[in-house]
Each structure stands twice: as structure tokens, then as C-alpha cells.
């Protein structure tokens, strides 16, 4: 479900959400992401829609602020990974 780009981005950026690493290898990252049901969104509009559907209050947040939220991980190809801990 999670491609190499997604796994590597999570491994590199996990420190913005967690104090200590939760995964050290792509295999561990994939298992962790599956366990917490992480979601991949194609763009920031989809990220906004996801948060709205989940009932999160993102009123007034700009796209930039939304993209920098601690649970949102930017992927190199323009997609976004949402990891709720």
C-alpha cells in the first residue's frame, strides 16, 4: 500500500511527530503506517477534505499551515501522508 517514496519520506520526517524514532527500516515504517492506518492524499485539497471528514478543526488554516501540520508529511512527488498518532 505504501510505496518506497512514502516509506522513505516517513523515515526521514518522523521526528516532526514523534520524539523518538518509531521505525528504522522501510519494513518497520510500513508496519507502523499500516497499524495506525495512515492515509495518502494526492494534494492539499484532499488533505483538507480528510481533516474535515474526520471532524478536525482546521478553520482558518492556510494550505501552507495545513501542509506543515505535524501529522502531515510532504512526499517528494507532491502527495501527502497523514499519520495520526
PDB file of N, CA and C in Angstrom:
ATOM      1  N   UNK A   1       0.813  -1.192   0.000  1.00  0.00           N
ATOM      2  CA  UNK A   1       0.000   0.000   0.000  1.00  0.00           C
ATOM      3  C   UNK A   1       0.862   1.265   0.000  1.00  0.00           C
ATOM      4  N   UNK A   2       1.940   1.262   0.761  1.00  0.00           N
ATOM      5  CA  UNK A   2       2.821   2.430   0.834  1.00  0.00           C
ATOM      6  C   UNK A   2       4.044   2.162  -0.039  1.00  0.00           C
ATOM      7  N   UNK A   3       4.296   3.059  -0.990  1.00  0.00           N
ATOM      8  CA  UNK A   3       5.427   2.861  -1.891  1.00  0.00           C
ATOM      9  C   UNK A   3       6.731   3.326  -1.246  1.00  0.00           C
ATOM     10  N   UNK A   4       7.821   3.083  -1.928  1.00  0.00           N
ATOM     11  CA  UNK A   4       9.155   3.394  -1.412  1.00  0.00           C
ATOM     12  C   UNK A   4       9.313   4.878  -1.078  1.00  0.00           C
ATOM     13  N   UNK A   5       8.787   5.737  -1.925  1.00  0.00           N
ATOM     14  CA  UNK A   5       8.866   7.180  -1.703  1.00  0.00           C
ATOM     15  C   UNK A   5       8.175   7.570  -0.402  1.00  0.00           C
ATOM     16  N   UNK A   6       7.028   6.986  -0.174  1.00  0.00           N
ATOM     17  CA  UNK A   6       6.251   7.264   1.040  1.00  0.00           C
ATOM     18  C   UNK A   6       6.997   6.775   2.284  1.00  0.00           C
ATOM     19  N   UNK A   7       7.513   5.570   2.228  1.00  0.00           N
ATOM     20  CA  UNK A   7       8.226   4.992   3.373  1.00  0.00           C
ATOM     21  C   UNK A   7       9.478   5.790   3.699  1.00  0.00           C
ATOM     22  N   UNK A   8      10.231   6.160   2.680  1.00  0.00           N
ATOM     23  CA  UNK A   8      11.459   6.931   2.911  1.00  0.00           C
ATOM     24  C   UNK A   8      11.160   8.318   3.471  1.00  0.00           C
ATOM     25  N   UNK A   9      10.116   8.968   2.963  1.00  0.00           N
ATOM     26  CA  UNK A   9       9.741  10.290   3.471  1.00  0.00           C
ATOM     27  C   UNK A   9       9.338  10.186   4.940  1.00  0.00           C
ATOM     28  N   UNK A  10       8.586   9.154   5.291  1.00  0.00           N
ATOM     29  CA  UNK A  10       8.200   8.982   6.687  1.00  0.00           C
ATOM     30  C   UNK A  10       9.427   8.755   7.563  1.00  0.00           C
ATOM     31  N   UNK A  11      10.331   7.896   7.118  1.00  0.00           N
ATOM     32  CA  UNK A  11      11.538   7.625   7.908  1.00  0.00           C
ATOM     33  C   UNK A  11      12.342   8.902   8.129  1.00  0.00           C
ATOM     34  N   UNK A  12      12.447   9.734   7.108  1.00  0.00           N
ATOM     35  CA  UNK A  12      13.220  10.971   7.214  1.00  0.00           C
ATOM     36  C   UNK A  12      12.532  12.025   8.077  1.00  0.00           C
ATOM     37  N   UNK A  13      11.199  12.069   8.064  1.00  0.00           N
ATOM     38  CA  UNK A  13      10.462  13.152   8.714  1.00  0.00           C
ATOM     39  C   UNK A  13       9.765  12.759  10.013  1.00  0.00           C
ATOM     40  N   UNK A  14       9.882  11.504  10.444  1.00  0.00           N
ATOM     41  CA  UNK A  14       9.121  11.057  11.609  1.00  0.00           C
ATOM     42  C   UNK A  14       9.412  11.866  12.871  1.00  0.00           C
ATOM     43  N   UNK A  15      10.548  12.516  12.933  1.00  0.00           N
ATOM     44  CA  UNK A  15      10.904  13.322  14.094  1.00  0.00           C
ATOM     45  C   UNK A  15      10.009  14.530  14.315  1.00  0.00           C
ATOM     46  N   UNK A  16       9.279  14.963  13.293  1.00  0.00           N
ATOM     47  CA  UNK A  16       8.394  16.109  13.495  1.00  0.00           C
ATOM     48  C   UNK A  16       7.133  15.725  14.261  1.00  0.00           C
ATOM     49  N   UNK A  17       6.819  14.427  14.317  1.00  0.00           N
ATOM     50  CA  UNK A  17       5.633  13.960  15.021  1.00  0.00           C
ATOM     51  C   UNK A  17       5.970  13.180  16.292  1.00  0.00           C
ATOM     52  N   UNK A  18       7.113  12.498  16.283  1.00  0.00           N
ATOM     53  CA  UNK A  18       7.489  11.650  17.409  1.00  0.00           C
ATOM     54  C   UNK A  18       8.826  12.087  17.993  1.00  0.00           C
ATOM     55  N   UNK A  19       8.924  12.055  19.316  1.00  0.00           N
ATOM     56  CA  UNK A  19      10.174  12.445  19.982  1.00  0.00           C
ATOM     57  C   UNK A  19      11.313  11.476  19.674  1.00  0.00           C
ATOM     58  N   UNK A  20      10.968  10.202  19.573  1.00  0.00           N
ATOM     59  CA  UNK A  20      11.958   9.174  19.263  1.00  0.00           C
ATOM     60  C   UNK A  20      11.491   8.416  18.030  1.00  0.00           C
ATOM     61  N   UNK A  21      12.412   7.896  17.236  1.00  0.00           N
ATOM     62  CA  UNK A  21      12.012   7.165  16.031  1.00  0.00           C
ATOM     63  C   UNK A  21      11.090   5.985  16.363  1.00  0.00           C
ATOM     64  N   UNK A  22      10.063   5.822  15.534  1.00  0.00           N
ATOM     65  CA  UNK A  22       9.163   4.687  15.683  1.00  0.00           C
ATOM     66  C   UNK A  22       9.485   3.586  14.674  1.00  0.00           C
ATOM     67  N   UNK A  23      10.351   3.909  13.711  1.00  0.00           N
ATOM     68  CA  UNK A  23      10.752   2.942  12.686  1.00  0.00           C
ATOM     69  C   UNK A  23      12.172   3.263  12.241  1.00  0.00           C
ATOM     70  N   UNK A  24      12.922   2.214  11.935  1.00  0.00           N
ATOM     71  CA  UNK A  24      14.292   2.401  11.484  1.00  0.00           C
ATOM     72  C   UNK A  24      14.556   1.874  10.091  1.00  0.00           C
ATOM     73  N   UNK A  25      13.634   1.069   9.587  1.00  0.00           N
ATOM     74  CA  UNK A  25      13.776   0.491   8.252  1.00  0.00           C
ATOM     75  C   UNK A  25      12.470   0.696   7.486  1.00  0.00           C
ATOM     76  N   UNK A  26      12.520   0.586   6.160  1.00  0.00           N
ATOM     77  CA  UNK A  26      11.277   0.693   5.391  1.00  0.00           C
ATOM     78  C   UNK A  26      10.224  -0.337   5.822  1.00  0.00           C
ATOM     79  N   UNK A  27      10.663  -1.540   6.172  1.00  0.00           N
ATOM     80  CA  UNK A  27       9.726  -2.575   6.608  1.00  0.00           C
ATOM     81  C   UNK A  27       9.035  -2.174   7.902  1.00  0.00           C
ATOM     82  N   UNK A  28       9.803  -1.632   8.850  1.00  0.00           N
ATOM     83  CA  UNK A  28       9.218  -1.168  10.109  1.00  0.00           C
ATOM     84  C   UNK A  28       8.288   0.013   9.865  1.00  0.00           C
ATOM     85  N   UNK A  29       8.675   0.900   8.965  1.00  0.00           N
ATOM     86  CA  UNK A  29       7.832   2.053   8.641  1.00  0.00           C
ATOM     87  C   UNK A  29       6.505   1.593   8.052  1.00  0.00           C
ATOM     88  N   UNK A  30       6.557   0.631   7.149  1.00  0.00           N
ATOM     89  CA  UNK A  30       5.326   0.137   6.532  1.00  0.00           C
ATOM     90  C   UNK A  30       4.411  -0.499   7.581  1.00  0.00           C
ATOM     91  N   UNK A  31       4.980  -1.285   8.461  1.00  0.00           N
ATOM     92  CA  UNK A  31       4.186  -1.919   9.512  1.00  0.00           C
ATOM     93  C   UNK A  31       3.552  -0.856  10.417  1.00  0.00           C
ATOM     94  N   UNK A  32       4.333   0.142  10.789  1.00  0.00           N
ATOM     95  CA  UNK A  32       3.808   1.211  11.644  1.00  0.00           C
ATOM     96  C   UNK A  32       2.680   1.967  10.953  1.00  0.00           C
ATOM     97  N   UNK A  33       2.892   2.335   9.693  1.00  0.00           N
ATOM     98  CA  UNK A  33       1.879   3.090   8.958  1.00  0.00           C
ATOM     99  C   UNK A  33       0.599   2.280   8.782  1.00  0.00           C
ATOM    100  N   UNK A  34       0.740   0.993   8.552  1.00  0.00           N
ATOM    101  CA  UNK A  34      -0.438   0.123   8.437  1.00  0.00           C
ATOM    102  C   UNK A  34      -1.177   0.050   9.766  1.00  0.00           C
ATOM    103  N   UNK A  35      -0.427  -0.082  10.861  1.00  0.00           N
ATOM    104  CA  UNK A  35      -1.039  -0.188  12.193  1.00  0.00           C
ATOM    105  C   UNK A  35      -1.839   1.056  12.560  1.00  0.00           C
ATOM    106  N   UNK A  36      -1.335   2.231  12.179  1.00  0.00           N
ATOM    107  CA  UNK A  36      -2.050   3.460  12.535  1.00  0.00           C
ATOM    108  C   UNK A  36      -2.941   3.954  11.392  1.00  0.00           C
ATOM    109  N   UNK A  37      -3.087   3.134  10.362  1.00  0.00           N
ATOM    110  CA  UNK A  37      -3.964   3.426   9.223  1.00  0.00           C
ATOM    111  C   UNK A  37      -3.684   4.791   8.600  1.00  0.00           C
ATOM    112  N   UNK A  38      -2.418   5.045   8.325  1.00  0.00           N
ATOM    113  CA  UNK A  38      -2.014   6.293   7.683  1.00  0.00           C
ATOM    114  C   UNK A  38      -2.672   6.405   6.303  1.00  0.00           C
ATOM    115  N   UNK A  39      -2.948   7.636   5.895  1.00  0.00           N
ATOM    116  CA  UNK A  39      -3.674   7.912   4.658  1.00  0.00           C
ATOM    117  C   UNK A  39      -2.786   8.704   3.713  1.00  0.00           C
ATOM    118  N   UNK A  40      -2.834   8.373   2.440  1.00  0.00           N
ATOM    119  CA  UNK A  40      -2.112   9.135   1.421  1.00  0.00           C
ATOM    120  C   UNK A  40      -3.121   9.981   0.661  1.00  0.00           C
ATOM    121  N   UNK A  41      -2.836  11.272   0.563  1.00  0.00           N
ATOM    122  CA  UNK A  41      -3.686  12.214  -0.176  1.00  0.00           C
ATOM    123  C   UNK A  41      -2.904  12.735  -1.371  1.00  0.00           C
ATOM    124  N   UNK A  42      -3.613  12.962  -2.470  1.00  0.00           N
ATOM    125  CA  UNK A  42      -2.966  13.398  -3.701  1.00  0.00           C
ATOM    126  C   UNK A  42      -2.531  14.849  -3.704  1.00  0.00           C
ATOM    127  N   UNK A  43      -3.154  15.677  -2.861  1.00  0.00           N
ATOM    128  CA  UNK A  43      -2.828  17.101  -2.820  1.00  0.00           C
ATOM    129  C   UNK A  43      -3.392  17.699  -1.532  1.00  0.00           C
ATOM    130  N   UNK A  44      -3.148  18.992  -1.326  1.00  0.00           N
ATOM    131  CA  UNK A  44      -3.608  19.639  -0.096  1.00  0.00           C
ATOM    132  C   UNK A  44      -5.129  19.749  -0.018  1.00  0.00           C
ATOM    133  N   UNK A  45      -5.798  19.823  -1.146  1.00  0.00           N
ATOM    134  CA  UNK A  45      -7.264  19.844  -1.132  1.00  0.00           C
ATOM    135  C   UNK A  45      -7.785  18.558  -0.513  1.00  0.00           C
ATOM    136  N   UNK A  46      -7.187  17.428  -0.886  1.00  0.00           N
ATOM    137  CA  UNK A  46      -7.590  16.145  -0.316  1.00  0.00           C
ATOM    138  C   UNK A  46      -7.241  16.055   1.174  1.00  0.00           C
ATOM    139  N   UNK A  47      -6.122  16.658   1.565  1.00  0.00           N
ATOM    140  CA  UNK A  47      -5.751  16.692   2.989  1.00  0.00           C
ATOM    141  C   UNK A  47      -6.824  17.457   3.752  1.00  0.00           C
ATOM    142  N   UNK A  48      -7.226  18.611   3.226  1.00  0.00           N
ATOM    143  CA  UNK A  48      -8.254  19.433   3.859  1.00  0.00           C
ATOM    144  C   UNK A  48      -9.575  18.649   3.961  1.00  0.00           C
ATOM    145  N   UNK A  49      -9.952  17.959   2.882  1.00  0.00           N
ATOM    146  CA  UNK A  49     -11.177  17.161   2.884  1.00  0.00           C
ATOM    147  C   UNK A  49     -11.105  16.048   3.923  1.00  0.00           C
ATOM    148  N   UNK A  50      -9.943  15.402   4.031  1.00  0.00           N
ATOM    149  CA  UNK A  50      -9.771  14.329   5.011  1.00  0.00           C
ATOM    150  C   UNK A  50      -9.981  14.858   6.425  1.00  0.00           C
ATOM    151  N   UNK A  51      -9.338  15.965   6.756  1.00  0.00           N
ATOM    152  CA  UNK A  51      -9.477  16.530   8.095  1.00  0.00           C
ATOM    153  C   UNK A  51     -10.916  16.971   8.365  1.00  0.00           C
ATOM    154  N   UNK A  52     -11.574  17.541   7.359  1.00  0.00           N
ATOM    155  CA  UNK A  52     -12.984  17.924   7.519  1.00  0.00           C
ATOM    156  C   UNK A  52     -13.834  16.695   7.819  1.00  0.00           C
ATOM    157  N   UNK A  53     -13.634  15.618   7.066  1.00  0.00           N
ATOM    158  CA  UNK A  53     -14.401  14.384   7.260  1.00  0.00           C
ATOM    159  C   UNK A  53     -14.146  13.776   8.636  1.00  0.00           C
ATOM    160  N   UNK A  54     -12.943  13.942   9.151  1.00  0.00           N
ATOM    161  CA  UNK A  54     -12.585  13.397  10.462  1.00  0.00           C
ATOM    162  C   UNK A  54     -13.026  14.306  11.603  1.00  0.00           C
ATOM    163  N   UNK A  55     -13.596  15.478  11.259  1.00  0.00           N
ATOM    164  CA  UNK A  55     -14.100  16.392  12.273  1.00  0.00           C
ATOM    165  C   UNK A  55     -13.031  17.224  12.958  1.00  0.00           C
ATOM    166  N   UNK A  56     -11.867  17.335  12.338  1.00  0.00           N
ATOM    167  CA  UNK A  56     -10.799  18.145  12.917  1.00  0.00           C
ATOM    168  C   UNK A  56     -11.033  19.610  12.579  1.00  0.00           C
ATOM    169  N   UNK A  57     -10.790  20.485  13.539  1.00  0.00           N
ATOM    170  CA  UNK A  57     -10.999  21.915  13.334  1.00  0.00           C
ATOM    171  C   UNK A  57      -9.784  22.521  12.645  1.00  0.00           C
ATOM    172  N   UNK A  58      -9.920  22.752  11.357  1.00  0.00           N
ATOM    173  CA  UNK A  58      -8.838  23.358  10.583  1.00  0.00           C
ATOM    174  C   UNK A  58      -9.286  24.705  10.021  1.00  0.00           C
ATOM    175  N   UNK A  59     -10.356  25.236  10.573  1.00  0.00           N
ATOM    176  CA  UNK A  59     -10.891  26.530  10.143  1.00  0.00           C
ATOM    177  C   UNK A  59      -9.806  27.593  10.235  1.00  0.00           C
ATOM    178  N   UNK A  60      -9.640  28.311   9.157  1.00  0.00           N
ATOM    179  CA  UNK A  60      -8.680  29.409   9.146  1.00  0.00           C
ATOM    180  C   UNK A  60      -7.257  28.991   8.824  1.00  0.00           C
ATOM    181  N   UNK A  61      -6.999  27.698   8.696  1.00  0.00           N
ATOM    182  CA  UNK A  61      -5.639  27.261   8.359  1.00  0.00           C
ATOM    183  C   UNK A  61      -5.385  27.454   6.865  1.00  0.00           C
ATOM    184  N   UNK A  62      -4.265  28.059   6.541  1.00  0.00           N
ATOM    185  CA  UNK A  62      -3.880  28.199   5.137  1.00  0.00           C
ATOM    186  C   UNK A  62      -3.375  26.855   4.635  1.00  0.00           C
ATOM    187  N   UNK A  63      -3.243  26.727   3.322  1.00  0.00           N
ATOM    188  CA  UNK A  63      -2.689  25.499   2.754  1.00  0.00           C
ATOM    189  C   UNK A  63      -1.277  25.262   3.271  1.00  0.00           C
ATOM    190  N   UNK A  64      -0.521  26.344   3.412  1.00  0.00           N
ATOM    191  CA  UNK A  64       0.852  26.218   3.910  1.00  0.00           C
ATOM    192  C   UNK A  64       0.858  25.665   5.336  1.00  0.00           C
ATOM    193  N   UNK A  65      -0.001  26.215   6.181  1.00  0.00           N
ATOM    194  CA  UNK A  65      -0.089  25.734   7.565  1.00  0.00           C
ATOM    195  C   UNK A  65      -0.557  24.283   7.611  1.00  0.00           C
ATOM    196  N   UNK A  66      -1.505  23.946   6.758  1.00  0.00           N
ATOM    197  CA  UNK A  66      -2.011  22.581   6.705  1.00  0.00           C
ATOM    198  C   UNK A  66      -0.916  21.612   6.277  1.00  0.00           C
ATOM    199  N   UNK A  67      -0.135  21.994   5.282  1.00  0.00           N
ATOM    200  CA  UNK A  67       0.955  21.157   4.798  1.00  0.00           C
ATOM    201  C   UNK A  67       2.081  20.991   5.795  1.00  0.00           C
ATOM    202  N   UNK A  68       2.169  21.909   6.762  1.00  0.00           N
ATOM    203  CA  UNK A  68       3.227  21.857   7.766  1.00  0.00           C
ATOM    204  C   UNK A  68       2.753  21.279   9.098  1.00  0.00           C
ATOM    205  N   UNK A  69       1.483  20.866   9.172  1.00  0.00           N
ATOM    206  CA  UNK A  69       0.972  20.259  10.403  1.00  0.00           C
ATOM    207  C   UNK A  69       1.815  19.035  10.751  1.00  0.00           C
ATOM    208  N   UNK A  70       1.982  18.782  12.044  1.00  0.00           N
ATOM    209  CA  UNK A  70       2.906  17.715  12.454  1.00  0.00           C
ATOM    210  C   UNK A  70       2.493  16.341  11.963  1.00  0.00           C
ATOM    211  N   UNK A  71       1.209  16.116  11.724  1.00  0.00           N
ATOM    212  CA  UNK A  71       0.788  14.797  11.252  1.00  0.00           C
ATOM    213  C   UNK A  71       0.743  14.678   9.736  1.00  0.00           C
ATOM    214  N   UNK A  72       1.124  15.754   9.034  1.00  0.00           N
ATOM    215  CA  UNK A  72       1.126  15.759   7.573  1.00  0.00           C
ATOM    216  C   UNK A  72       2.569  15.713   7.078  1.00  0.00           C
ATOM    217  N   UNK A  73       2.864  14.715   6.265  1.00  0.00           N
ATOM    218  CA  UNK A  73       4.206  14.514   5.734  1.00  0.00           C
ATOM    219  C   UNK A  73       4.170  14.737   4.224  1.00  0.00           C
ATOM    220  N   UNK A  74       4.924  15.725   3.754  1.00  0.00           N
ATOM    221  CA  UNK A  74       5.001  16.002   2.324  1.00  0.00           C
ATOM    222  C   UNK A  74       5.857  14.937   1.651  1.00  0.00           C
ATOM    223  N   UNK A  75       5.348  14.387   0.558  1.00  0.00           N
ATOM    224  CA  UNK A  75       6.095  13.403  -0.222  1.00  0.00           C
ATOM    225  C   UNK A  75       6.733  14.093  -1.420  1.00  0.00           C
ATOM    226  N   UNK A  76       7.852  13.561  -1.904  1.00  0.00           N
ATOM    227  CA  UNK A  76       8.585  14.230  -2.989  1.00  0.00           C
ATOM    228  C   UNK A  76       7.781  14.452  -4.270  1.00  0.00           C
ATOM    229  N   UNK A  77       6.772  13.621  -4.517  1.00  0.00           N
ATOM    230  CA  UNK A  77       6.012  13.736  -5.759  1.00  0.00           C
ATOM    231  C   UNK A  77       4.773  14.622  -5.639  1.00  0.00           C
ATOM    232  N   UNK A  78       4.644  15.350  -4.510  1.00  0.00           N
ATOM    233  CA  UNK A  78       3.521  16.262  -4.344  1.00  0.00           C
ATOM    234  C   UNK A  78       2.363  15.697  -3.551  1.00  0.00           C
ATOM    235  N   UNK A  79       2.402  14.411  -3.250  1.00  0.00           N
ATOM    236  CA  UNK A  79       1.356  13.818  -2.411  1.00  0.00           C
ATOM    237  C   UNK A  79       1.654  14.112  -0.945  1.00  0.00           C
ATOM    238  N   UNK A  80       0.711  13.748  -0.083  1.00  0.00           N
ATOM    239  CA  UNK A  80       0.859  13.947   1.352  1.00  0.00           C
ATOM    240  C   UNK A  80       0.447  12.690   2.100  1.00  0.00           C
ATOM    241  N   UNK A  81       1.194  12.384   3.139  1.00  0.00           N
ATOM    242  CA  UNK A  81       0.910  11.256   4.016  1.00  0.00           C
ATOM    243  C   UNK A  81       0.397  11.824   5.323  1.00  0.00           C
ATOM    244  N   UNK A  82      -0.748  11.335   5.786  1.00  0.00           N
ATOM    245  CA  UNK A  82      -1.297  11.780   7.069  1.00  0.00           C
ATOM    246  C   UNK A  82      -1.150  10.629   8.058  1.00  0.00           C
ATOM    247  N   UNK A  83      -0.444  10.912   9.152  1.00  0.00           N
ATOM    248  CA  UNK A  83      -0.202   9.916  10.186  1.00  0.00           C
ATOM    249  C   UNK A  83      -0.785  10.444  11.495  1.00  0.00           C
ATOM    250  N   UNK A  84      -1.850   9.806  11.953  1.00  0.00           N
ATOM    251  CA  UNK A  84      -2.438  10.202  13.234  1.00  0.00           C
ATOM    252  C   UNK A  84      -1.913   9.275  14.303  1.00  0.00           C
ATOM    253  N   UNK A  85      -1.303   9.864  15.316  1.00  0.00           N
ATOM    254  CA  UNK A  85      -0.709   9.033  16.365  1.00  0.00           C
ATOM    255  C   UNK A  85      -1.625   8.889  17.564  1.00  0.00           C
TER     256      UNK A  85
END
